[in-house]
């Protein structure tokens, strides 16, 4: 029986030190841009990134480790889920105001 092809996936997490969204790169390091993420296109690659994510979690380097499905587009990888698109594109509001005065003005 023939199985369906695996959808392209990437591994995402949040860096433990500051909560910034990161993706696992091809060199095994965590990168800040989805465009630099390793694209797992078959079952063995997905298993490898899952194992790398579990090890990074155990080593207290990252939290909220997830394998997500993406589509490969001309402009680069694009997550299917809205939550992951927001994480990839950055916060929808300023991440951290430069001062308390700016924070009170924003409120």
PDB file of N, CA and C in Angstrom:
ATOM      1  N   UNK A   1       0.844  -1.172   0.000  1.00  0.00           N
ATOM      2  CA  UNK A   1       0.000   0.000   0.000  1.00  0.00           C
ATOM      3  C   UNK A   1       0.895   1.243   0.000  1.00  0.00           C
ATOM      4  N   UNK A   2       0.594   2.168  -0.866  1.00  0.00           N
ATOM      5  CA  UNK A   2       1.379   3.393  -0.985  1.00  0.00           C
ATOM      6  C   UNK A   2       0.888   4.417   0.041  1.00  0.00           C
ATOM      7  N   UNK A   3       1.844   5.078   0.712  1.00  0.00           N
ATOM      8  CA  UNK A   3       1.466   6.098   1.691  1.00  0.00           C
ATOM      9  C   UNK A   3       1.519   7.479   1.055  1.00  0.00           C
ATOM     10  N   UNK A   4       0.752   8.382   1.619  1.00  0.00           N
ATOM     11  CA  UNK A   4       0.736   9.759   1.118  1.00  0.00           C
ATOM     12  C   UNK A   4       2.078  10.416   1.411  1.00  0.00           C
ATOM     13  N   UNK A   5       2.527  11.314   0.537  1.00  0.00           N
ATOM     14  CA  UNK A   5       3.793  11.995   0.792  1.00  0.00           C
ATOM     15  C   UNK A   5       3.702  12.851   2.054  1.00  0.00           C
ATOM     16  N   UNK A   6       4.829  12.960   2.749  1.00  0.00           N
ATOM     17  CA  UNK A   6       4.882  13.778   3.952  1.00  0.00           C
ATOM     18  C   UNK A   6       4.837  15.248   3.564  1.00  0.00           C
ATOM     19  N   UNK A   7       4.036  16.022   4.273  1.00  0.00           N
ATOM     20  CA  UNK A   7       4.028  17.465   4.050  1.00  0.00           C
ATOM     21  C   UNK A   7       5.301  18.045   4.637  1.00  0.00           C
ATOM     22  N   UNK A   8       5.793  19.121   4.052  1.00  0.00           N
ATOM     23  CA  UNK A   8       7.007  19.754   4.548  1.00  0.00           C
ATOM     24  C   UNK A   8       6.755  20.319   5.937  1.00  0.00           C
ATOM     25  N   UNK A   9       7.712  20.083   6.832  1.00  0.00           N
ATOM     26  CA  UNK A   9       7.566  20.519   8.219  1.00  0.00           C
ATOM     27  C   UNK A   9       8.846  21.192   8.693  1.00  0.00           C
ATOM     28  N   UNK A  10       8.699  22.028   9.717  1.00  0.00           N
ATOM     29  CA  UNK A  10       9.832  22.654  10.390  1.00  0.00           C
ATOM     30  C   UNK A  10       9.623  22.512  11.888  1.00  0.00           C
ATOM     31  N   UNK A  11      10.700  22.701  12.633  1.00  0.00           N
ATOM     32  CA  UNK A  11      10.624  22.650  14.085  1.00  0.00           C
ATOM     33  C   UNK A  11      10.723  24.067  14.624  1.00  0.00           C
ATOM     34  N   UNK A  12       9.770  24.441  15.449  1.00  0.00           N
ATOM     35  CA  UNK A  12       9.757  25.764  16.051  1.00  0.00           C
ATOM     36  C   UNK A  12       9.708  25.631  17.566  1.00  0.00           C
ATOM     37  N   UNK A  13      10.154  26.684  18.231  1.00  0.00           N
ATOM     38  CA  UNK A  13      10.154  26.709  19.697  1.00  0.00           C
ATOM     39  C   UNK A  13      10.297  28.162  20.131  1.00  0.00           C
ATOM     40  N   UNK A  14      10.360  28.360  21.430  1.00  0.00           N
ATOM     41  CA  UNK A  14      10.670  29.672  21.993  1.00  0.00           C
ATOM     42  C   UNK A  14      11.945  29.524  22.804  1.00  0.00           C
ATOM     43  N   UNK A  15      12.853  30.464  22.608  1.00  0.00           N
ATOM     44  CA  UNK A  15      14.108  30.438  23.348  1.00  0.00           C
ATOM     45  C   UNK A  15      13.815  30.639  24.826  1.00  0.00           C
ATOM     46  N   UNK A  16      14.403  29.823  25.669  1.00  0.00           N
ATOM     47  CA  UNK A  16      14.114  29.866  27.097  1.00  0.00           C
ATOM     48  C   UNK A  16      14.564  31.179  27.737  1.00  0.00           C
ATOM     49  N   UNK A  17      15.654  31.759  27.266  1.00  0.00           N
ATOM     50  CA  UNK A  17      16.203  32.956  27.909  1.00  0.00           C
ATOM     51  C   UNK A  17      15.329  34.186  27.769  1.00  0.00           C
ATOM     52  N   UNK A  18      14.591  34.301  26.644  1.00  0.00           N
ATOM     53  CA  UNK A  18      13.813  35.526  26.432  1.00  0.00           C
ATOM     54  C   UNK A  18      12.470  35.313  25.737  1.00  0.00           C
ATOM     55  N   UNK A  19      12.129  34.087  25.398  1.00  0.00           N
ATOM     56  CA  UNK A  19      10.838  33.805  24.788  1.00  0.00           C
ATOM     57  C   UNK A  19      10.737  34.072  23.298  1.00  0.00           C
ATOM     58  N   UNK A  20      11.825  34.499  22.670  1.00  0.00           N
ATOM     59  CA  UNK A  20      11.810  34.799  21.239  1.00  0.00           C
ATOM     60  C   UNK A  20      11.533  33.523  20.444  1.00  0.00           C
ATOM     61  N   UNK A  21      10.717  33.636  19.386  1.00  0.00           N
ATOM     62  CA  UNK A  21      10.431  32.505  18.507  1.00  0.00           C
ATOM     63  C   UNK A  21      11.680  32.139  17.719  1.00  0.00           C
ATOM     64  N   UNK A  22      11.964  30.843  17.654  1.00  0.00           N
ATOM     65  CA  UNK A  22      13.114  30.344  16.911  1.00  0.00           C
ATOM     66  C   UNK A  22      12.706  29.105  16.124  1.00  0.00           C
ATOM     67  N   UNK A  23      13.523  28.780  15.118  1.00  0.00           N
ATOM     68  CA  UNK A  23      13.320  27.601  14.287  1.00  0.00           C
ATOM     69  C   UNK A  23      14.627  26.854  14.208  1.00  0.00           C
ATOM     70  N   UNK A  24      14.562  25.539  14.067  1.00  0.00           N
ATOM     71  CA  UNK A  24      15.773  24.741  13.973  1.00  0.00           C
ATOM     72  C   UNK A  24      16.347  24.865  12.573  1.00  0.00           C
ATOM     73  N   UNK A  25      17.607  25.285  12.490  1.00  0.00           N
ATOM     74  CA  UNK A  25      18.285  25.433  11.207  1.00  0.00           C
ATOM     75  C   UNK A  25      18.938  24.133  10.764  1.00  0.00           C
ATOM     76  N   UNK A  26      19.406  24.112   9.528  1.00  0.00           N
ATOM     77  CA  UNK A  26      20.029  22.915   8.963  1.00  0.00           C
ATOM     78  C   UNK A  26      21.305  22.525   9.699  1.00  0.00           C
ATOM     79  N   UNK A  27      21.967  23.498  10.338  1.00  0.00           N
ATOM     80  CA  UNK A  27      23.202  23.206  11.064  1.00  0.00           C
ATOM     81  C   UNK A  27      22.941  22.747  12.499  1.00  0.00           C
ATOM     82  N   UNK A  28      21.668  22.611  12.871  1.00  0.00           N
ATOM     83  CA  UNK A  28      21.316  22.166  14.209  1.00  0.00           C
ATOM     84  C   UNK A  28      21.218  23.280  15.232  1.00  0.00           C
ATOM     85  N   UNK A  29      21.474  24.504  14.803  1.00  0.00           N
ATOM     86  CA  UNK A  29      21.358  25.657  15.691  1.00  0.00           C
ATOM     87  C   UNK A  29      19.977  26.280  15.534  1.00  0.00           C
ATOM     88  N   UNK A  30      19.537  27.020  16.539  1.00  0.00           N
ATOM     89  CA  UNK A  30      18.257  27.714  16.492  1.00  0.00           C
ATOM     90  C   UNK A  30      18.446  29.041  15.775  1.00  0.00           C
ATOM     91  N   UNK A  31      17.594  29.322  14.792  1.00  0.00           N
ATOM     92  CA  UNK A  31      17.688  30.538  13.979  1.00  0.00           C
ATOM     93  C   UNK A  31      16.455  31.405  14.213  1.00  0.00           C
ATOM     94  N   UNK A  32      16.573  32.692  13.895  1.00  0.00           N
ATOM     95  CA  UNK A  32      15.509  33.652  14.171  1.00  0.00           C
ATOM     96  C   UNK A  32      14.536  33.846  13.010  1.00  0.00           C
ATOM     97  N   UNK A  33      14.854  33.326  11.844  1.00  0.00           N
ATOM     98  CA  UNK A  33      14.004  33.515  10.670  1.00  0.00           C
ATOM     99  C   UNK A  33      13.521  32.167  10.144  1.00  0.00           C
ATOM    100  N   UNK A  34      12.238  32.089   9.866  1.00  0.00           N
ATOM    101  CA  UNK A  34      11.678  30.871   9.287  1.00  0.00           C
ATOM    102  C   UNK A  34      12.366  30.535   7.962  1.00  0.00           C
ATOM    103  N   UNK A  35      12.804  31.559   7.228  1.00  0.00           N
ATOM    104  CA  UNK A  35      13.480  31.326   5.946  1.00  0.00           C
ATOM    105  C   UNK A  35      14.776  30.541   6.112  1.00  0.00           C
ATOM    106  N   UNK A  36      15.356  30.572   7.312  1.00  0.00           N
ATOM    107  CA  UNK A  36      16.610  29.864   7.577  1.00  0.00           C
ATOM    108  C   UNK A  36      16.392  28.495   8.216  1.00  0.00           C
ATOM    109  N   UNK A  37      15.141  28.105   8.397  1.00  0.00           N
ATOM    110  CA  UNK A  37      14.827  26.835   9.058  1.00  0.00           C
ATOM    111  C   UNK A  37      15.119  25.651   8.141  1.00  0.00           C
ATOM    112  N   UNK A  38      15.452  24.528   8.759  1.00  0.00           N
ATOM    113  CA  UNK A  38      15.615  23.276   8.028  1.00  0.00           C
ATOM    114  C   UNK A  38      14.237  22.773   7.629  1.00  0.00           C
ATOM    115  N   UNK A  39      14.057  22.434   6.364  1.00  0.00           N
ATOM    116  CA  UNK A  39      12.776  21.944   5.858  1.00  0.00           C
ATOM    117  C   UNK A  39      12.802  20.418   5.819  1.00  0.00           C
ATOM    118  N   UNK A  40      11.998  19.804   6.653  1.00  0.00           N
ATOM    119  CA  UNK A  40      11.917  18.344   6.724  1.00  0.00           C
ATOM    120  C   UNK A  40      10.878  17.878   5.716  1.00  0.00           C
ATOM    121  N   UNK A  41      11.349  17.192   4.682  1.00  0.00           N
ATOM    122  CA  UNK A  41      10.465  16.802   3.587  1.00  0.00           C
ATOM    123  C   UNK A  41      10.132  15.311   3.572  1.00  0.00           C
ATOM    124  N   UNK A  42      10.669  14.549   4.506  1.00  0.00           N
ATOM    125  CA  UNK A  42      10.339  13.121   4.570  1.00  0.00           C
ATOM    126  C   UNK A  42      10.331  12.660   6.023  1.00  0.00           C
ATOM    127  N   UNK A  43       9.782  11.477   6.248  1.00  0.00           N
ATOM    128  CA  UNK A  43       9.547  10.966   7.607  1.00  0.00           C
ATOM    129  C   UNK A  43      10.814  10.911   8.459  1.00  0.00           C
ATOM    130  N   UNK A  44      11.937  10.491   7.867  1.00  0.00           N
ATOM    131  CA  UNK A  44      13.180  10.408   8.644  1.00  0.00           C
ATOM    132  C   UNK A  44      13.639  11.788   9.093  1.00  0.00           C
ATOM    133  N   UNK A  45      13.485  12.782   8.236  1.00  0.00           N
ATOM    134  CA  UNK A  45      13.874  14.151   8.590  1.00  0.00           C
ATOM    135  C   UNK A  45      12.976  14.693   9.697  1.00  0.00           C
ATOM    136  N   UNK A  46      11.689  14.390   9.625  1.00  0.00           N
ATOM    137  CA  UNK A  46      10.757  14.830  10.674  1.00  0.00           C
ATOM    138  C   UNK A  46      11.143  14.185  12.006  1.00  0.00           C
ATOM    139  N   UNK A  47      11.455  12.898  11.983  1.00  0.00           N
ATOM    140  CA  UNK A  47      11.870  12.212  13.212  1.00  0.00           C
ATOM    141  C   UNK A  47      13.145  12.834  13.776  1.00  0.00           C
ATOM    142  N   UNK A  48      14.067  13.222  12.900  1.00  0.00           N
ATOM    143  CA  UNK A  48      15.328  13.827  13.348  1.00  0.00           C
ATOM    144  C   UNK A  48      15.100  15.190  13.997  1.00  0.00           C
ATOM    145  N   UNK A  49      14.232  16.017  13.411  1.00  0.00           N
ATOM    146  CA  UNK A  49      14.010  17.333  14.022  1.00  0.00           C
ATOM    147  C   UNK A  49      13.227  17.199  15.324  1.00  0.00           C
ATOM    148  N   UNK A  50      12.317  16.225  15.383  1.00  0.00           N
ATOM    149  CA  UNK A  50      11.601  15.987  16.646  1.00  0.00           C
ATOM    150  C   UNK A  50      12.582  15.602  17.748  1.00  0.00           C
ATOM    151  N   UNK A  51      13.529  14.730  17.432  1.00  0.00           N
ATOM    152  CA  UNK A  51      14.529  14.304  18.419  1.00  0.00           C
ATOM    153  C   UNK A  51      15.405  15.482  18.837  1.00  0.00           C
ATOM    154  N   UNK A  52      15.804  16.315  17.884  1.00  0.00           N
ATOM    155  CA  UNK A  52      16.619  17.492  18.201  1.00  0.00           C
ATOM    156  C   UNK A  52      15.852  18.447  19.107  1.00  0.00           C
ATOM    157  N   UNK A  53      14.577  18.607  18.847  1.00  0.00           N
ATOM    158  CA  UNK A  53      13.749  19.479  19.677  1.00  0.00           C
ATOM    159  C   UNK A  53      13.600  18.953  21.090  1.00  0.00           C
ATOM    160  N   UNK A  54      13.395  17.657  21.234  1.00  0.00           N
ATOM    161  CA  UNK A  54      13.265  17.070  22.567  1.00  0.00           C
ATOM    162  C   UNK A  54      14.572  17.191  23.354  1.00  0.00           C
ATOM    163  N   UNK A  55      15.708  17.060  22.647  1.00  0.00           N
ATOM    164  CA  UNK A  55      16.996  17.212  23.321  1.00  0.00           C
ATOM    165  C   UNK A  55      17.205  18.659  23.767  1.00  0.00           C
ATOM    166  N   UNK A  56      16.865  19.622  22.909  1.00  0.00           N
ATOM    167  CA  UNK A  56      17.000  21.042  23.268  1.00  0.00           C
ATOM    168  C   UNK A  56      16.079  21.396  24.434  1.00  0.00           C
ATOM    169  N   UNK A  57      14.902  20.798  24.468  1.00  0.00           N
ATOM    170  CA  UNK A  57      13.979  21.002  25.584  1.00  0.00           C
ATOM    171  C   UNK A  57      14.576  20.431  26.874  1.00  0.00           C
ATOM    172  N   UNK A  58      15.121  19.229  26.800  1.00  0.00           N
ATOM    173  CA  UNK A  58      15.739  18.592  27.970  1.00  0.00           C
ATOM    174  C   UNK A  58      16.955  19.378  28.460  1.00  0.00           C
ATOM    175  N   UNK A  59      17.659  20.030  27.526  1.00  0.00           N
ATOM    176  CA  UNK A  59      18.840  20.834  27.867  1.00  0.00           C
ATOM    177  C   UNK A  59      18.471  22.243  28.332  1.00  0.00           C
ATOM    178  N   UNK A  60      17.169  22.519  28.440  1.00  0.00           N
ATOM    179  CA  UNK A  60      16.676  23.843  28.867  1.00  0.00           C
ATOM    180  C   UNK A  60      17.138  24.980  27.960  1.00  0.00           C
ATOM    181  N   UNK A  61      17.187  24.715  26.664  1.00  0.00           N
ATOM    182  CA  UNK A  61      17.532  25.763  25.702  1.00  0.00           C
ATOM    183  C   UNK A  61      16.275  26.417  25.134  1.00  0.00           C
ATOM    184  N   UNK A  62      15.199  25.632  25.003  1.00  0.00           N
ATOM    185  CA  UNK A  62      13.956  26.126  24.410  1.00  0.00           C
ATOM    186  C   UNK A  62      12.763  25.550  25.161  1.00  0.00           C
ATOM    187  N   UNK A  63      11.594  26.154  24.916  1.00  0.00           N
ATOM    188  CA  UNK A  63      10.317  25.653  25.432  1.00  0.00           C
ATOM    189  C   UNK A  63       9.311  25.668  24.284  1.00  0.00           C
ATOM    190  N   UNK A  64       8.153  25.074  24.499  1.00  0.00           N
ATOM    191  CA  UNK A  64       7.065  25.056  23.511  1.00  0.00           C
ATOM    192  C   UNK A  64       7.549  24.558  22.147  1.00  0.00           C
ATOM    193  N   UNK A  65       8.174  23.399  22.143  1.00  0.00           N
ATOM    194  CA  UNK A  65       8.730  22.803  20.926  1.00  0.00           C
ATOM    195  C   UNK A  65       7.603  22.175  20.114  1.00  0.00           C
ATOM    196  N   UNK A  66       7.522  22.534  18.822  1.00  0.00           N
ATOM    197  CA  UNK A  66       6.461  22.015  17.956  1.00  0.00           C
ATOM    198  C   UNK A  66       6.969  21.791  16.539  1.00  0.00           C
ATOM    199  N   UNK A  67       6.560  20.679  15.957  1.00  0.00           N
ATOM    200  CA  UNK A  67       6.759  20.456  14.528  1.00  0.00           C
ATOM    201  C   UNK A  67       5.516  21.010  13.847  1.00  0.00           C
ATOM    202  N   UNK A  68       5.716  21.912  12.890  1.00  0.00           N
ATOM    203  CA  UNK A  68       4.571  22.524  12.204  1.00  0.00           C
ATOM    204  C   UNK A  68       4.664  22.285  10.701  1.00  0.00           C
ATOM    205  N   UNK A  69       3.503  22.253  10.063  1.00  0.00           N
ATOM    206  CA  UNK A  69       3.448  22.107   8.611  1.00  0.00           C
ATOM    207  C   UNK A  69       3.570  23.475   7.960  1.00  0.00           C
ATOM    208  N   UNK A  70       4.340  23.503   6.879  1.00  0.00           N
ATOM    209  CA  UNK A  70       4.492  24.743   6.114  1.00  0.00           C
ATOM    210  C   UNK A  70       4.270  24.433   4.638  1.00  0.00           C
ATOM    211  N   UNK A  71       4.007  25.485   3.883  1.00  0.00           N
ATOM    212  CA  UNK A  71       3.991  25.333   2.432  1.00  0.00           C
ATOM    213  C   UNK A  71       5.204  26.065   1.899  1.00  0.00           C
ATOM    214  N   UNK A  72       5.795  25.511   0.869  1.00  0.00           N
ATOM    215  CA  UNK A  72       6.949  26.149   0.256  1.00  0.00           C
ATOM    216  C   UNK A  72       6.447  27.062  -0.857  1.00  0.00           C
ATOM    217  N   UNK A  73       6.708  28.363  -0.715  1.00  0.00           N
ATOM    218  CA  UNK A  73       6.265  29.347  -1.692  1.00  0.00           C
ATOM    219  C   UNK A  73       7.480  30.004  -2.331  1.00  0.00           C
ATOM    220  N   UNK A  74       7.252  30.790  -3.374  1.00  0.00           N
ATOM    221  CA  UNK A  74       8.345  31.493  -4.046  1.00  0.00           C
ATOM    222  C   UNK A  74       9.063  32.452  -3.103  1.00  0.00           C
ATOM    223  N   UNK A  75       8.342  32.977  -2.120  1.00  0.00           N
ATOM    224  CA  UNK A  75       8.953  33.918  -1.175  1.00  0.00           C
ATOM    225  C   UNK A  75       9.505  33.219   0.067  1.00  0.00           C
ATOM    226  N   UNK A  76       9.422  31.906   0.121  1.00  0.00           N
ATOM    227  CA  UNK A  76       9.961  31.154   1.250  1.00  0.00           C
ATOM    228  C   UNK A  76       8.890  30.355   1.956  1.00  0.00           C
ATOM    229  N   UNK A  77       9.268  29.671   3.034  1.00  0.00           N
ATOM    230  CA  UNK A  77       8.301  28.848   3.758  1.00  0.00           C
ATOM    231  C   UNK A  77       7.205  29.694   4.401  1.00  0.00           C
ATOM    232  N   UNK A  78       5.987  29.173   4.396  1.00  0.00           N
ATOM    233  CA  UNK A  78       4.851  29.881   4.993  1.00  0.00           C
ATOM    234  C   UNK A  78       4.036  28.879   5.802  1.00  0.00           C
ATOM    235  N   UNK A  79       3.888  29.117   7.109  1.00  0.00           N
ATOM    236  CA  UNK A  79       3.090  28.200   7.931  1.00  0.00           C
ATOM    237  C   UNK A  79       1.627  28.183   7.499  1.00  0.00           C
ATOM    238  N   UNK A  80       0.992  27.037   7.651  1.00  0.00           N
ATOM    239  CA  UNK A  80      -0.431  26.929   7.349  1.00  0.00           C
ATOM    240  C   UNK A  80      -1.280  27.605   8.424  1.00  0.00           C
ATOM    241  N   UNK A  81      -0.906  27.435   9.693  1.00  0.00           N
ATOM    242  CA  UNK A  81      -1.715  27.966  10.797  1.00  0.00           C
ATOM    243  C   UNK A  81      -1.426  29.439  11.039  1.00  0.00           C
ATOM    244  N   UNK A  82      -2.468  30.204  11.339  1.00  0.00           N
ATOM    245  CA  UNK A  82      -2.340  31.638  11.602  1.00  0.00           C
ATOM    246  C   UNK A  82      -1.407  31.904  12.774  1.00  0.00           C
ATOM    247  N   UNK A  83      -1.532  31.133  13.840  1.00  0.00           N
ATOM    248  CA  UNK A  83      -0.659  31.326  15.010  1.00  0.00           C
ATOM    249  C   UNK A  83       0.806  31.292  14.605  1.00  0.00           C
ATOM    250  N   UNK A  84       1.163  30.339  13.779  1.00  0.00           N
ATOM    251  CA  UNK A  84       2.557  30.198  13.363  1.00  0.00           C
ATOM    252  C   UNK A  84       2.966  31.300  12.392  1.00  0.00           C
ATOM    253  N   UNK A  85       2.038  31.780  11.580  1.00  0.00           N
ATOM    254  CA  UNK A  85       2.355  32.916  10.696  1.00  0.00           C
ATOM    255  C   UNK A  85       2.676  34.151  11.513  1.00  0.00           C
ATOM    256  N   UNK A  86       1.900  34.382  12.574  1.00  0.00           N
ATOM    257  CA  UNK A  86       2.156  35.534  13.445  1.00  0.00           C
ATOM    258  C   UNK A  86       3.518  35.378  14.112  1.00  0.00           C
ATOM    259  N   UNK A  87       3.827  34.195  14.590  1.00  0.00           N
ATOM    260  CA  UNK A  87       5.129  33.972  15.228  1.00  0.00           C
ATOM    261  C   UNK A  87       6.265  34.184  14.233  1.00  0.00           C
ATOM    262  N   UNK A  88       6.081  33.761  12.990  1.00  0.00           N
ATOM    263  CA  UNK A  88       7.131  33.900  11.979  1.00  0.00           C
ATOM    264  C   UNK A  88       7.323  35.350  11.547  1.00  0.00           C
ATOM    265  N   UNK A  89       6.233  36.101  11.482  1.00  0.00           N
ATOM    266  CA  UNK A  89       6.313  37.490  11.014  1.00  0.00           C
ATOM    267  C   UNK A  89       6.665  38.464  12.118  1.00  0.00           C
ATOM    268  N   UNK A  90       6.628  38.005  13.358  1.00  0.00           N
ATOM    269  CA  UNK A  90       6.963  38.872  14.480  1.00  0.00           C
ATOM    270  C   UNK A  90       5.713  39.308  15.210  1.00  0.00           C
ATOM    271  N   UNK A  91       5.899  39.925  16.376  1.00  0.00           N
ATOM    272  CA  UNK A  91       4.747  40.346  17.174  1.00  0.00           C
ATOM    273  C   UNK A  91       3.845  41.315  16.411  1.00  0.00           C
ATOM    274  N   UNK A  92       2.576  41.281  16.736  1.00  0.00           N
ATOM    275  CA  UNK A  92       1.629  42.205  16.101  1.00  0.00           C
ATOM    276  C   UNK A  92       1.596  43.542  16.825  1.00  0.00           C
ATOM    277  N   UNK A  93       2.283  43.621  17.961  1.00  0.00           N
ATOM    278  CA  UNK A  93       2.446  44.874  18.702  1.00  0.00           C
ATOM    279  C   UNK A  93       3.920  45.001  19.057  1.00  0.00           C
ATOM    280  N   UNK A  94       4.348  46.189  19.512  1.00  0.00           N
ATOM    281  CA  UNK A  94       5.736  46.350  19.928  1.00  0.00           C
ATOM    282  C   UNK A  94       6.062  45.336  21.004  1.00  0.00           C
ATOM    283  N   UNK A  95       7.191  44.679  20.854  1.00  0.00           N
ATOM    284  CA  UNK A  95       7.583  43.619  21.785  1.00  0.00           C
ATOM    285  C   UNK A  95       7.908  44.175  23.164  1.00  0.00           C
ATOM    286  N   UNK A  96       8.726  45.208  23.223  1.00  0.00           N
ATOM    287  CA  UNK A  96       9.115  45.780  24.514  1.00  0.00           C
ATOM    288  C   UNK A  96       9.383  47.270  24.335  1.00  0.00           C
ATOM    289  N   UNK A  97       8.511  48.122  24.860  1.00  0.00           N
ATOM    290  CA  UNK A  97       8.752  49.562  24.747  1.00  0.00           C
ATOM    291  C   UNK A  97      10.105  49.929  25.344  1.00  0.00           C
ATOM    292  N   UNK A  98      10.738  50.962  24.779  1.00  0.00           N
ATOM    293  CA  UNK A  98      12.072  51.369  25.211  1.00  0.00           C
ATOM    294  C   UNK A  98      12.063  51.967  26.609  1.00  0.00           C
ATOM    295  N   UNK A  99      10.944  52.525  27.031  1.00  0.00           N
ATOM    296  CA  UNK A  99      10.904  53.143  28.356  1.00  0.00           C
ATOM    297  C   UNK A  99       9.498  53.047  28.936  1.00  0.00           C
ATOM    298  N   UNK A 100       9.405  53.315  30.235  1.00  0.00           N
ATOM    299  CA  UNK A 100       8.102  53.307  30.896  1.00  0.00           C
ATOM    300  C   UNK A 100       7.207  54.401  30.335  1.00  0.00           C
ATOM    301  N   UNK A 101       7.801  55.538  29.957  1.00  0.00           N
ATOM    302  CA  UNK A 101       7.020  56.641  29.385  1.00  0.00           C
ATOM    303  C   UNK A 101       6.371  56.206  28.077  1.00  0.00           C
ATOM    304  N   UNK A 102       7.124  55.499  27.238  1.00  0.00           N
ATOM    305  CA  UNK A 102       6.561  55.009  25.983  1.00  0.00           C
ATOM    306  C   UNK A 102       5.463  53.989  26.254  1.00  0.00           C
ATOM    307  N   UNK A 103       5.648  53.159  27.256  1.00  0.00           N
ATOM    308  CA  UNK A 103       4.643  52.145  27.588  1.00  0.00           C
ATOM    309  C   UNK A 103       3.341  52.795  28.021  1.00  0.00           C
ATOM    310  N   UNK A 104       3.423  53.862  28.810  1.00  0.00           N
ATOM    311  CA  UNK A 104       2.198  54.515  29.268  1.00  0.00           C
ATOM    312  C   UNK A 104       1.516  55.250  28.124  1.00  0.00           C
ATOM    313  N   UNK A 105       2.290  55.756  27.159  1.00  0.00           N
ATOM    314  CA  UNK A 105       1.701  56.428  26.000  1.00  0.00           C
ATOM    315  C   UNK A 105       0.999  55.428  25.096  1.00  0.00           C
ATOM    316  N   UNK A 106       1.521  54.216  25.037  1.00  0.00           N
ATOM    317  CA  UNK A 106       0.935  53.196  24.178  1.00  0.00           C
ATOM    318  C   UNK A 106      -0.367  52.657  24.745  1.00  0.00           C
ATOM    319  N   UNK A 107      -0.557  52.774  26.048  1.00  0.00           N
ATOM    320  CA  UNK A 107      -1.741  52.202  26.700  1.00  0.00           C
ATOM    321  C   UNK A 107      -2.975  53.007  26.513  1.00  0.00           C
TER     322      UNK A 107
END
